[in-house]
Amino acid sequence: MYGRKTEISVGIFMILGMACLVYLSVNLGGVAWFGPDTYTIEASFRSVEGLEPGASVEIAGVPVGKVKQIRLEENDARVLMEIRNSTKISDDTIASVRTKGIIGDKFIKLAPGWSEEYLSDNDVLMDTESAISIEELVNKYLFDQ
């Protein structure tokens, strides 16, 4: 009843559909095709309250990377960040933990300095500002008069 052309057309359509699905899965999963397209930098904070792995790292409101790992090291929070290779971070950049909106998600804000020296893979940011705890501010305002 149906000809050979129909079977071939359906087969090609299915192959193209599967190829599109694989392409989308790989791109949304963030898999690099030809080696890593990011480098890592670290920063130490006294507090990263509410910051989670996978949080955004931004410069001037533009995402340039993400938080890869947070670990405790000598009573400080050590944050490992993945930064896109196309983004150069100067060695005098200030990293701070910020909140999107009033009660939004936490993220790392990078404020670049004026240095001509740039960080490379596994370098450490020296200047940091810890998260501000709204709860601590409210308690201080209400109970410390």
N, C-alpha and C. Protein backbone atom coordinates (compact mmCIF):
# COMPACT_ATOMS: atom_id res chain seq x y z
N MET A 1 0.81 -1.18 0.00
CA MET A 1 0.00 0.00 0.00
C MET A 1 0.87 1.26 0.00
N TYR A 2 1.79 1.37 0.98
CA TYR A 2 2.72 2.50 0.98
C TYR A 2 3.96 2.10 0.22
N GLY A 3 4.54 3.06 -0.45
CA GLY A 3 5.70 2.77 -1.27
C GLY A 3 7.00 2.85 -0.49
N ARG A 4 8.04 2.50 -1.20
CA ARG A 4 9.37 2.52 -0.61
C ARG A 4 9.80 3.95 -0.24
N LYS A 5 9.33 4.94 -1.00
CA LYS A 5 9.66 6.34 -0.73
C LYS A 5 9.18 6.76 0.65
N THR A 6 8.01 6.33 1.02
CA THR A 6 7.45 6.69 2.33
C THR A 6 8.29 6.11 3.45
N GLU A 7 8.71 4.86 3.30
CA GLU A 7 9.53 4.22 4.33
C GLU A 7 10.88 4.93 4.47
N ILE A 8 11.48 5.32 3.37
CA ILE A 8 12.76 6.03 3.41
C ILE A 8 12.57 7.41 4.04
N SER A 9 11.52 8.11 3.68
CA SER A 9 11.23 9.43 4.26
C SER A 9 11.05 9.36 5.76
N VAL A 10 10.31 8.36 6.23
CA VAL A 10 10.09 8.20 7.66
C VAL A 10 11.41 7.86 8.36
N GLY A 11 12.22 7.03 7.76
CA GLY A 11 13.52 6.68 8.33
C GLY A 11 14.43 7.89 8.45
N ILE A 12 14.50 8.72 7.40
CA ILE A 12 15.32 9.93 7.44
C ILE A 12 14.80 10.89 8.50
N PHE A 13 13.48 11.04 8.58
CA PHE A 13 12.87 11.91 9.58
C PHE A 13 13.23 11.44 10.99
N MET A 14 13.19 10.15 11.24
CA MET A 14 13.53 9.60 12.56
C MET A 14 15.01 9.82 12.89
N ILE A 15 15.89 9.62 11.92
CA ILE A 15 17.32 9.83 12.14
C ILE A 15 17.61 11.29 12.46
N LEU A 16 17.00 12.22 11.71
CA LEU A 16 17.18 13.64 11.98
C LEU A 16 16.64 14.02 13.36
N GLY A 17 15.51 13.46 13.73
CA GLY A 17 14.92 13.71 15.05
C GLY A 17 15.85 13.23 16.17
N MET A 18 16.41 12.05 16.01
CA MET A 18 17.34 11.52 17.01
C MET A 18 18.61 12.37 17.08
N ALA A 19 19.12 12.81 15.94
CA ALA A 19 20.32 13.66 15.92
C ALA A 19 20.05 14.97 16.65
N CYS A 20 18.89 15.57 16.42
CA CYS A 20 18.53 16.81 17.12
C CYS A 20 18.42 16.57 18.62
N LEU A 21 17.86 15.47 19.02
CA LEU A 21 17.72 15.15 20.45
C LEU A 21 19.09 14.98 21.11
N VAL A 22 20.01 14.31 20.45
CA VAL A 22 21.36 14.13 20.98
C VAL A 22 22.06 15.48 21.08
N TYR A 23 21.94 16.30 20.04
CA TYR A 23 22.57 17.63 20.04
C TYR A 23 22.06 18.47 21.21
N LEU A 24 20.76 18.52 21.40
CA LEU A 24 20.18 19.30 22.50
C LEU A 24 20.60 18.76 23.86
N SER A 25 20.63 17.45 23.99
CA SER A 25 21.03 16.84 25.27
C SER A 25 22.46 17.20 25.63
N VAL A 26 23.35 17.15 24.67
CA VAL A 26 24.76 17.45 24.92
C VAL A 26 24.93 18.94 25.23
N ASN A 27 24.29 19.82 24.46
CA ASN A 27 24.44 21.25 24.69
C ASN A 27 23.82 21.70 26.00
N LEU A 28 22.66 21.21 26.35
CA LEU A 28 22.02 21.58 27.61
C LEU A 28 22.75 20.98 28.79
N GLY A 29 23.41 19.86 28.60
CA GLY A 29 24.19 19.23 29.66
C GLY A 29 25.53 19.89 29.88
N GLY A 30 25.93 20.79 28.98
CA GLY A 30 27.18 21.52 29.15
C GLY A 30 28.42 20.69 28.85
N VAL A 31 28.31 19.69 28.00
CA VAL A 31 29.45 18.84 27.66
C VAL A 31 30.32 19.56 26.63
N ALA A 32 31.62 19.62 26.89
CA ALA A 32 32.56 20.24 25.95
C ALA A 32 32.97 19.20 24.91
N TRP A 33 32.89 19.57 23.65
CA TRP A 33 33.21 18.64 22.56
C TRP A 33 34.71 18.43 22.41
N PHE A 34 35.49 19.48 22.50
CA PHE A 34 36.92 19.39 22.21
C PHE A 34 37.75 19.86 23.40
N GLY A 35 37.65 19.16 24.50
CA GLY A 35 38.40 19.53 25.69
C GLY A 35 37.66 20.58 26.50
N PRO A 36 38.19 20.92 27.67
CA PRO A 36 37.50 21.87 28.54
C PRO A 36 37.52 23.27 27.95
N ASP A 37 36.39 23.96 28.04
CA ASP A 37 36.33 25.35 27.59
C ASP A 37 36.24 26.30 28.78
N THR A 38 36.67 25.80 29.96
CA THR A 38 36.67 26.61 31.17
C THR A 38 38.00 26.42 31.91
N TYR A 39 38.26 27.35 32.82
CA TYR A 39 39.36 27.20 33.76
C TYR A 39 38.82 27.43 35.16
N THR A 40 39.53 26.98 36.16
CA THR A 40 39.04 27.09 37.53
C THR A 40 39.86 28.10 38.32
N ILE A 41 39.15 28.82 39.19
CA ILE A 41 39.80 29.70 40.16
C ILE A 41 39.16 29.44 41.51
N GLU A 42 39.88 29.79 42.57
CA GLU A 42 39.37 29.58 43.93
C GLU A 42 39.33 30.89 44.69
N ALA A 43 38.47 30.92 45.70
CA ALA A 43 38.40 32.07 46.60
C ALA A 43 37.95 31.58 47.97
N SER A 44 38.46 32.21 49.03
CA SER A 44 38.06 31.87 50.39
C SER A 44 37.15 32.96 50.95
N PHE A 45 36.10 32.52 51.63
CA PHE A 45 35.14 33.43 52.23
C PHE A 45 34.94 33.04 53.69
N ARG A 46 34.65 34.03 54.56
CA ARG A 46 34.30 33.73 55.95
C ARG A 46 32.93 33.06 56.01
N SER A 47 32.03 33.43 55.09
CA SER A 47 30.69 32.86 55.05
C SER A 47 30.16 32.88 53.62
N VAL A 48 29.55 31.78 53.21
CA VAL A 48 28.88 31.71 51.91
C VAL A 48 27.43 31.26 52.12
N GLU A 49 26.85 31.71 53.19
CA GLU A 49 25.51 31.31 53.60
C GLU A 49 24.52 31.36 52.43
N GLY A 50 23.96 30.18 52.09
CA GLY A 50 22.96 30.08 51.03
C GLY A 50 23.52 29.81 49.64
N LEU A 51 24.83 29.92 49.46
CA LEU A 51 25.43 29.66 48.15
C LEU A 51 25.49 28.16 47.91
N GLU A 52 25.13 27.73 46.71
CA GLU A 52 25.11 26.31 46.36
C GLU A 52 25.98 26.04 45.14
N PRO A 53 26.53 24.82 45.02
CA PRO A 53 27.22 24.46 43.78
C PRO A 53 26.26 24.60 42.60
N GLY A 54 26.77 25.12 41.50
CA GLY A 54 25.93 25.36 40.33
C GLY A 54 25.46 26.81 40.26
N ALA A 55 25.69 27.58 41.32
CA ALA A 55 25.28 28.99 41.33
C ALA A 55 26.09 29.76 40.28
N SER A 56 25.51 30.84 39.83
CA SER A 56 26.12 31.65 38.78
C SER A 56 27.29 32.47 39.31
N VAL A 57 28.28 32.69 38.43
CA VAL A 57 29.38 33.62 38.68
C VAL A 57 29.22 34.71 37.62
N GLU A 58 29.12 35.98 38.07
CA GLU A 58 28.79 37.06 37.15
C GLU A 58 29.75 38.23 37.25
N ILE A 59 29.93 38.89 36.11
CA ILE A 59 30.64 40.17 36.04
C ILE A 59 29.68 41.15 35.39
N ALA A 60 29.39 42.25 36.06
CA ALA A 60 28.49 43.28 35.55
C ALA A 60 27.12 42.71 35.19
N GLY A 61 26.68 41.70 35.94
CA GLY A 61 25.37 41.09 35.70
C GLY A 61 25.34 40.05 34.59
N VAL A 62 26.49 39.78 33.98
CA VAL A 62 26.57 38.82 32.88
C VAL A 62 27.19 37.53 33.40
N PRO A 63 26.51 36.38 33.24
CA PRO A 63 27.09 35.11 33.69
C PRO A 63 28.36 34.77 32.92
N VAL A 64 29.44 34.46 33.67
CA VAL A 64 30.71 34.09 33.04
C VAL A 64 31.21 32.74 33.53
N GLY A 65 30.45 32.12 34.42
CA GLY A 65 30.85 30.82 34.95
C GLY A 65 29.87 30.35 35.99
N LYS A 66 30.31 29.33 36.74
CA LYS A 66 29.46 28.78 37.79
C LYS A 66 30.31 28.25 38.94
N VAL A 67 29.66 28.11 40.09
CA VAL A 67 30.32 27.55 41.26
C VAL A 67 30.38 26.03 41.08
N LYS A 68 31.58 25.49 41.12
CA LYS A 68 31.76 24.05 40.93
C LYS A 68 31.70 23.30 42.25
N GLN A 69 32.34 23.86 43.29
CA GLN A 69 32.45 23.13 44.56
C GLN A 69 32.62 24.11 45.70
N ILE A 70 32.05 23.75 46.86
CA ILE A 70 32.25 24.53 48.09
C ILE A 70 32.71 23.55 49.16
N ARG A 71 33.83 23.88 49.83
CA ARG A 71 34.31 23.01 50.89
C ARG A 71 34.81 23.85 52.06
N LEU A 72 34.83 23.25 53.22
CA LEU A 72 35.31 23.92 54.42
C LEU A 72 36.81 23.65 54.57
N GLU A 73 37.58 24.74 54.74
CA GLU A 73 39.02 24.61 54.88
C GLU A 73 39.49 25.61 55.94
N GLU A 74 39.92 25.10 57.09
CA GLU A 74 40.38 25.93 58.20
C GLU A 74 39.36 26.99 58.59
N ASN A 75 38.12 26.57 58.78
CA ASN A 75 37.00 27.42 59.20
C ASN A 75 36.61 28.50 58.20
N ASP A 76 37.09 28.40 56.99
CA ASP A 76 36.67 29.28 55.90
C ASP A 76 36.03 28.44 54.81
N ALA A 77 35.13 29.05 54.06
CA ALA A 77 34.52 28.37 52.92
C ALA A 77 35.41 28.59 51.71
N ARG A 78 35.85 27.51 51.10
CA ARG A 78 36.70 27.59 49.90
C ARG A 78 35.80 27.29 48.71
N VAL A 79 35.66 28.25 47.80
CA VAL A 79 34.77 28.13 46.65
C VAL A 79 35.59 27.95 45.39
N LEU A 80 35.30 26.87 44.66
CA LEU A 80 35.95 26.58 43.39
C LEU A 80 34.98 26.99 42.29
N MET A 81 35.44 27.88 41.39
CA MET A 81 34.59 28.41 40.32
C MET A 81 35.14 28.02 38.96
N GLU A 82 34.23 27.66 38.05
CA GLU A 82 34.59 27.40 36.66
C GLU A 82 34.27 28.66 35.86
N ILE A 83 35.27 29.19 35.17
CA ILE A 83 35.12 30.42 34.38
C ILE A 83 35.37 30.09 32.91
N ARG A 84 34.55 30.67 32.02
CA ARG A 84 34.75 30.45 30.59
C ARG A 84 36.12 30.98 30.15
N ASN A 85 36.77 30.24 29.26
CA ASN A 85 38.09 30.63 28.76
C ASN A 85 38.08 32.01 28.12
N SER A 86 36.96 32.41 27.56
CA SER A 86 36.88 33.71 26.89
C SER A 86 36.87 34.88 27.88
N THR A 87 36.74 34.59 29.17
CA THR A 87 36.69 35.64 30.19
C THR A 87 38.01 35.70 30.94
N LYS A 88 38.64 36.85 30.94
CA LYS A 88 39.89 37.05 31.65
C LYS A 88 39.60 37.74 32.98
N ILE A 89 40.12 37.17 34.07
CA ILE A 89 39.91 37.70 35.41
C ILE A 89 41.24 38.28 35.90
N SER A 90 41.26 39.59 36.20
CA SER A 90 42.50 40.20 36.69
C SER A 90 42.77 39.75 38.12
N ASP A 91 44.04 39.79 38.50
CA ASP A 91 44.41 39.27 39.82
C ASP A 91 43.97 40.16 40.98
N ASP A 92 43.47 41.37 40.69
CA ASP A 92 42.96 42.23 41.76
C ASP A 92 41.43 42.31 41.78
N THR A 93 40.80 41.32 41.15
CA THR A 93 39.33 41.24 41.15
C THR A 93 38.82 40.93 42.55
N ILE A 94 37.69 41.52 42.90
CA ILE A 94 37.05 41.27 44.20
C ILE A 94 35.85 40.36 43.97
N ALA A 95 35.81 39.25 44.70
CA ALA A 95 34.69 38.31 44.62
C ALA A 95 33.80 38.51 45.84
N SER A 96 32.50 38.62 45.61
CA SER A 96 31.57 38.77 46.73
C SER A 96 30.35 37.90 46.53
N VAL A 97 29.80 37.43 47.64
CA VAL A 97 28.59 36.61 47.61
C VAL A 97 27.41 37.57 47.68
N ARG A 98 26.54 37.52 46.68
CA ARG A 98 25.39 38.43 46.59
C ARG A 98 24.10 37.64 46.43
N THR A 99 23.00 38.35 46.58
CA THR A 99 21.67 37.77 46.43
C THR A 99 20.96 38.43 45.26
N LYS A 100 20.32 37.63 44.40
CA LYS A 100 19.52 38.19 43.32
C LYS A 100 18.19 38.62 43.90
N GLY A 101 17.92 39.90 43.86
CA GLY A 101 16.69 40.42 44.43
C GLY A 101 16.75 40.44 45.95
N ILE A 102 15.59 40.56 46.56
CA ILE A 102 15.54 40.64 48.02
C ILE A 102 15.73 39.27 48.66
N ILE A 103 15.04 38.27 48.18
CA ILE A 103 15.16 36.92 48.77
C ILE A 103 15.49 35.89 47.70
N GLY A 104 16.25 36.29 46.70
CA GLY A 104 16.57 35.40 45.58
C GLY A 104 17.73 34.47 45.86
N ASP A 105 18.18 33.82 44.80
CA ASP A 105 19.31 32.89 44.88
C ASP A 105 20.61 33.65 45.10
N LYS A 106 21.56 32.97 45.72
CA LYS A 106 22.89 33.53 45.93
C LYS A 106 23.74 33.27 44.69
N PHE A 107 24.67 34.19 44.44
CA PHE A 107 25.61 34.04 43.33
C PHE A 107 26.91 34.75 43.70
N ILE A 108 27.94 34.52 42.90
CA ILE A 108 29.23 35.19 43.10
C ILE A 108 29.32 36.35 42.12
N LYS A 109 29.55 37.54 42.65
CA LYS A 109 29.75 38.73 41.81
C LYS A 109 31.24 39.02 41.78
N LEU A 110 31.80 39.13 40.58
CA LEU A 110 33.20 39.49 40.41
C LEU A 110 33.29 40.94 39.97
N ALA A 111 34.04 41.74 40.72
CA ALA A 111 34.27 43.14 40.39
C ALA A 111 35.72 43.29 39.95
N PRO A 112 35.96 43.37 38.64
CA PRO A 112 37.33 43.42 38.13
C PRO A 112 38.06 44.68 38.57
N GLY A 113 39.35 44.53 38.76
CA GLY A 113 40.21 45.66 39.10
C GLY A 113 40.87 46.19 37.84
N TRP A 114 42.01 46.89 38.03
CA TRP A 114 42.70 47.53 36.91
C TRP A 114 44.02 46.85 36.57
N SER A 115 44.32 45.75 37.22
CA SER A 115 45.60 45.08 36.99
C SER A 115 45.69 44.51 35.57
N GLU A 116 46.91 44.48 35.06
CA GLU A 116 47.17 43.88 33.74
C GLU A 116 47.52 42.40 33.86
N GLU A 117 47.64 41.91 35.09
CA GLU A 117 47.95 40.50 35.33
C GLU A 117 46.63 39.73 35.45
N TYR A 118 46.54 38.58 34.77
CA TYR A 118 45.31 37.79 34.78
C TYR A 118 45.53 36.45 35.46
N LEU A 119 44.45 35.95 36.06
CA LEU A 119 44.50 34.64 36.71
C LEU A 119 44.45 33.55 35.66
N SER A 120 45.08 32.43 35.97
CA SER A 120 45.03 31.26 35.09
C SER A 120 44.45 30.09 35.87
N ASP A 121 44.44 28.94 35.27
CA ASP A 121 43.84 27.75 35.87
C ASP A 121 44.43 27.47 37.26
N ASN A 122 43.56 27.24 38.23
CA ASN A 122 43.88 26.89 39.62
C ASN A 122 44.50 28.04 40.43
N ASP A 123 44.39 29.28 39.95
CA ASP A 123 44.85 30.42 40.74
C ASP A 123 43.81 30.78 41.80
N VAL A 124 44.22 31.62 42.75
CA VAL A 124 43.35 31.98 43.88
C VAL A 124 43.09 33.48 43.87
N LEU A 125 41.82 33.85 44.02
CA LEU A 125 41.43 35.25 44.20
C LEU A 125 41.70 35.63 45.64
N MET A 126 42.38 36.73 45.86
CA MET A 126 42.77 37.11 47.22
C MET A 126 41.73 38.00 47.90
N ASP A 127 41.03 38.84 47.16
CA ASP A 127 40.08 39.79 47.75
C ASP A 127 38.66 39.25 47.66
N THR A 128 38.03 39.07 48.82
CA THR A 128 36.67 38.54 48.86
C THR A 128 35.81 39.30 49.87
N GLU A 129 34.50 39.25 49.65
CA GLU A 129 33.52 39.80 50.58
C GLU A 129 32.51 38.71 50.85
N SER A 130 32.30 38.37 52.10
CA SER A 130 31.39 37.28 52.47
C SER A 130 29.93 37.68 52.32
N ALA A 131 29.07 36.67 52.43
CA ALA A 131 27.63 36.88 52.33
C ALA A 131 27.13 37.70 53.52
N ILE A 132 26.16 38.54 53.25
CA ILE A 132 25.52 39.31 54.32
C ILE A 132 24.29 38.53 54.75
N SER A 133 24.19 38.27 56.03
CA SER A 133 23.06 37.53 56.56
C SER A 133 21.95 38.50 56.96
N ILE A 134 20.82 38.42 56.29
CA ILE A 134 19.69 39.28 56.60
C ILE A 134 19.21 39.01 58.03
N GLU A 135 19.23 37.75 58.42
CA GLU A 135 18.80 37.38 59.77
C GLU A 135 19.66 38.06 60.83
N GLU A 136 20.98 38.07 60.63
CA GLU A 136 21.88 38.72 61.58
C GLU A 136 21.66 40.23 61.62
N LEU A 137 21.41 40.85 60.46
CA LEU A 137 21.15 42.28 60.43
C LEU A 137 19.87 42.64 61.18
N VAL A 138 18.82 41.84 60.97
CA VAL A 138 17.55 42.09 61.65
C VAL A 138 17.72 41.92 63.16
N ASN A 139 18.40 40.84 63.57
CA ASN A 139 18.64 40.62 65.00
C ASN A 139 19.44 41.76 65.62
N LYS A 140 20.44 42.23 64.91
CA LYS A 140 21.26 43.33 65.43
C LYS A 140 20.42 44.60 65.57
N TYR A 141 19.59 44.88 64.57
CA TYR A 141 18.76 46.08 64.61
C TYR A 141 17.72 46.01 65.73
N LEU A 142 17.10 44.84 65.89
CA LEU A 142 16.02 44.71 66.87
C LEU A 142 16.52 44.60 68.30
N PHE A 143 17.64 43.91 68.51
CA PHE A 143 18.05 43.58 69.88
C PHE A 143 19.28 44.33 70.38
N ASP A 144 20.05 44.93 69.51
CA ASP A 144 21.23 45.71 69.93
C ASP A 144 20.93 47.20 69.81
N GLN A 145 20.44 47.77 70.87
CA GLN A 145 20.06 49.19 70.80
C GLN A 145 20.97 50.05 71.54
